[in-house]
N, C-alpha and C. Protein backbone atom coordinates (compact mmCIF):
# COMPACT_ATOMS: atom_id res chain seq x y z
N UNK A 1 95.33 12.93 -56.57
CA UNK A 1 94.99 11.76 -57.38
C UNK A 1 95.99 11.64 -58.51
N UNK A 2 96.37 10.44 -58.79
CA UNK A 2 97.34 10.16 -59.84
C UNK A 2 96.65 10.19 -61.19
N UNK A 3 97.20 10.97 -62.10
CA UNK A 3 96.62 11.09 -63.44
C UNK A 3 97.57 10.42 -64.42
N UNK A 4 97.15 9.28 -64.97
CA UNK A 4 98.00 8.51 -65.88
C UNK A 4 97.58 8.72 -67.33
N UNK A 5 98.57 8.63 -68.20
CA UNK A 5 98.34 8.71 -69.65
C UNK A 5 99.05 7.53 -70.30
N UNK A 6 98.52 6.32 -70.11
CA UNK A 6 99.20 5.14 -70.64
C UNK A 6 99.06 5.02 -72.16
N UNK A 7 100.09 4.47 -72.76
CA UNK A 7 100.05 4.10 -74.18
C UNK A 7 100.12 2.58 -74.24
N UNK A 8 99.14 1.98 -74.87
CA UNK A 8 99.06 0.53 -74.93
C UNK A 8 99.69 0.02 -76.22
N UNK A 9 100.41 -1.07 -76.10
CA UNK A 9 101.01 -1.73 -77.26
C UNK A 9 100.36 -3.10 -77.38
N UNK A 10 99.78 -3.34 -78.53
CA UNK A 10 99.06 -4.60 -78.75
C UNK A 10 99.97 -5.64 -79.38
N UNK A 11 99.64 -6.88 -79.07
CA UNK A 11 100.33 -8.02 -79.68
C UNK A 11 99.25 -9.04 -80.00
N UNK A 12 99.17 -9.43 -81.24
CA UNK A 12 98.13 -10.36 -81.69
C UNK A 12 96.73 -9.84 -81.38
N UNK A 13 96.56 -8.53 -81.51
CA UNK A 13 95.25 -7.93 -81.31
C UNK A 13 94.84 -7.70 -79.87
N UNK A 14 95.72 -8.02 -78.91
CA UNK A 14 95.41 -7.83 -77.49
C UNK A 14 96.45 -6.91 -76.87
N UNK A 15 96.00 -6.08 -75.93
CA UNK A 15 96.95 -5.22 -75.22
C UNK A 15 97.95 -6.09 -74.47
N UNK A 16 99.23 -5.87 -74.75
CA UNK A 16 100.28 -6.70 -74.17
C UNK A 16 101.22 -5.89 -73.28
N UNK A 17 101.44 -4.62 -73.63
CA UNK A 17 102.38 -3.78 -72.89
C UNK A 17 101.77 -2.40 -72.67
N UNK A 18 102.32 -1.71 -71.67
CA UNK A 18 101.91 -0.33 -71.39
C UNK A 18 103.17 0.52 -71.27
N UNK A 19 103.13 1.68 -71.88
CA UNK A 19 104.24 2.62 -71.79
C UNK A 19 103.73 3.84 -71.02
N UNK A 20 104.50 4.22 -69.99
CA UNK A 20 104.18 5.40 -69.18
C UNK A 20 105.35 6.37 -69.26
N UNK A 21 105.07 7.63 -68.96
CA UNK A 21 106.18 8.57 -68.84
C UNK A 21 106.97 8.20 -67.58
N UNK A 22 108.22 8.61 -67.54
CA UNK A 22 109.05 8.30 -66.38
C UNK A 22 108.45 8.91 -65.12
N UNK A 23 107.90 10.12 -65.22
CA UNK A 23 107.28 10.78 -64.07
C UNK A 23 106.10 9.96 -63.55
N UNK A 24 105.26 9.48 -64.43
CA UNK A 24 104.13 8.65 -64.01
C UNK A 24 104.61 7.36 -63.36
N UNK A 25 105.65 6.77 -63.93
CA UNK A 25 106.21 5.55 -63.36
C UNK A 25 106.72 5.79 -61.94
N UNK A 26 107.47 6.89 -61.73
CA UNK A 26 108.00 7.16 -60.39
C UNK A 26 106.90 7.48 -59.40
N UNK A 27 105.81 8.11 -59.86
CA UNK A 27 104.68 8.37 -58.98
C UNK A 27 104.04 7.05 -58.53
N UNK A 28 103.87 6.13 -59.45
CA UNK A 28 103.30 4.82 -59.11
C UNK A 28 104.23 4.08 -58.16
N UNK A 29 105.52 4.14 -58.44
CA UNK A 29 106.51 3.47 -57.60
C UNK A 29 106.45 4.03 -56.17
N UNK A 30 106.34 5.33 -56.03
CA UNK A 30 106.26 5.96 -54.72
C UNK A 30 104.99 5.53 -53.98
N UNK A 31 103.88 5.50 -54.68
CA UNK A 31 102.62 5.07 -54.07
C UNK A 31 102.69 3.61 -53.62
N UNK A 32 103.32 2.76 -54.41
CA UNK A 32 103.47 1.36 -54.04
C UNK A 32 104.37 1.21 -52.80
N UNK A 33 105.41 2.01 -52.71
CA UNK A 33 106.27 1.98 -51.53
C UNK A 33 105.50 2.43 -50.29
N UNK A 34 104.67 3.47 -50.43
CA UNK A 34 103.84 3.92 -49.32
C UNK A 34 102.87 2.83 -48.89
N UNK A 35 102.28 2.14 -49.85
CA UNK A 35 101.36 1.06 -49.54
C UNK A 35 102.07 -0.07 -48.80
N UNK A 36 103.28 -0.40 -49.25
CA UNK A 36 104.05 -1.44 -48.58
C UNK A 36 104.38 -1.04 -47.15
N UNK A 37 104.74 0.23 -46.95
CA UNK A 37 105.02 0.73 -45.60
C UNK A 37 103.78 0.63 -44.72
N UNK A 38 102.63 0.97 -45.26
CA UNK A 38 101.38 0.89 -44.51
C UNK A 38 101.06 -0.55 -44.14
N UNK A 39 101.26 -1.48 -45.07
CA UNK A 39 101.03 -2.89 -44.78
C UNK A 39 101.98 -3.38 -43.69
N UNK A 40 103.24 -2.97 -43.75
CA UNK A 40 104.21 -3.35 -42.72
C UNK A 40 103.80 -2.80 -41.35
N UNK A 41 103.35 -1.56 -41.32
CA UNK A 41 102.91 -0.95 -40.07
C UNK A 41 101.72 -1.70 -39.49
N UNK A 42 100.74 -2.00 -40.33
CA UNK A 42 99.56 -2.73 -39.86
C UNK A 42 99.93 -4.11 -39.33
N UNK A 43 100.86 -4.78 -40.00
CA UNK A 43 101.30 -6.10 -39.55
C UNK A 43 102.01 -5.99 -38.20
N UNK A 44 102.87 -5.00 -38.05
CA UNK A 44 103.59 -4.81 -36.80
C UNK A 44 102.62 -4.50 -35.66
N UNK A 45 101.63 -3.67 -35.93
CA UNK A 45 100.64 -3.34 -34.90
C UNK A 45 99.84 -4.57 -34.52
N UNK A 46 99.52 -5.41 -35.49
CA UNK A 46 98.76 -6.62 -35.22
C UNK A 46 99.59 -7.59 -34.39
N UNK A 47 100.88 -7.70 -34.69
CA UNK A 47 101.75 -8.59 -33.94
C UNK A 47 101.92 -8.13 -32.50
N UNK A 48 101.82 -6.84 -32.26
CA UNK A 48 102.00 -6.29 -30.92
C UNK A 48 100.67 -6.09 -30.19
N UNK A 49 99.61 -6.59 -30.76
CA UNK A 49 98.28 -6.38 -30.19
C UNK A 49 98.17 -6.90 -28.76
N UNK A 50 98.82 -8.02 -28.47
CA UNK A 50 98.73 -8.63 -27.14
C UNK A 50 99.77 -8.07 -26.17
N UNK A 51 100.68 -7.25 -26.64
CA UNK A 51 101.72 -6.68 -25.79
C UNK A 51 101.11 -5.65 -24.85
N UNK A 52 101.62 -5.57 -23.62
CA UNK A 52 101.09 -4.57 -22.69
C UNK A 52 101.49 -3.16 -23.11
N UNK A 53 100.67 -2.20 -22.74
CA UNK A 53 100.99 -0.80 -23.00
C UNK A 53 101.11 -0.08 -21.67
N UNK A 54 101.91 0.97 -21.65
CA UNK A 54 102.15 1.72 -20.42
C UNK A 54 101.99 3.21 -20.70
N UNK A 55 101.41 3.90 -19.74
CA UNK A 55 101.31 5.35 -19.85
C UNK A 55 102.65 5.96 -19.48
N UNK A 56 102.83 7.23 -19.79
CA UNK A 56 104.07 7.91 -19.45
C UNK A 56 104.29 7.90 -17.94
N UNK A 57 103.24 8.10 -17.19
CA UNK A 57 103.35 8.10 -15.73
C UNK A 57 103.82 6.74 -15.22
N UNK A 58 103.29 5.66 -15.81
CA UNK A 58 103.71 4.32 -15.40
C UNK A 58 105.19 4.08 -15.71
N UNK A 59 105.64 4.53 -16.86
CA UNK A 59 107.04 4.36 -17.23
C UNK A 59 107.94 5.15 -16.28
N UNK A 60 107.54 6.37 -15.96
CA UNK A 60 108.33 7.18 -15.01
C UNK A 60 108.41 6.48 -13.66
N UNK A 61 107.30 5.92 -13.20
CA UNK A 61 107.29 5.21 -11.92
C UNK A 61 108.20 3.99 -11.98
N UNK A 62 108.17 3.26 -13.08
CA UNK A 62 109.04 2.09 -13.24
C UNK A 62 110.51 2.50 -13.19
N UNK A 63 110.83 3.60 -13.85
CA UNK A 63 112.21 4.07 -13.87
C UNK A 63 112.65 4.55 -12.49
N UNK A 64 111.75 5.21 -11.77
CA UNK A 64 112.07 5.66 -10.42
C UNK A 64 112.30 4.47 -9.50
N UNK A 65 111.50 3.42 -9.65
CA UNK A 65 111.63 2.23 -8.82
C UNK A 65 112.93 1.48 -9.10
N UNK A 66 113.43 1.57 -10.31
CA UNK A 66 114.63 0.80 -10.67
C UNK A 66 115.92 1.57 -10.43
N UNK A 67 115.84 2.85 -10.10
CA UNK A 67 117.07 3.61 -9.88
C UNK A 67 117.59 3.36 -8.47
N UNK A 68 118.93 3.36 -8.31
CA UNK A 68 119.54 3.03 -7.01
C UNK A 68 119.31 4.08 -5.95
């Protein structure tokens, strides 16, 4: 679990900015990249949902049939 220690900077009495340590920032950045990768994977899987799938045995048979 990510443990953050943010420092808030107020402007006109409202929190306007947040300061994090560089380590915390890079941890968040890494988690966001992982999330983006997961979203890309899910989208790719969804796009290929209608594509046929083949077992290893079926692929071997197809390759044997296509060889001269």
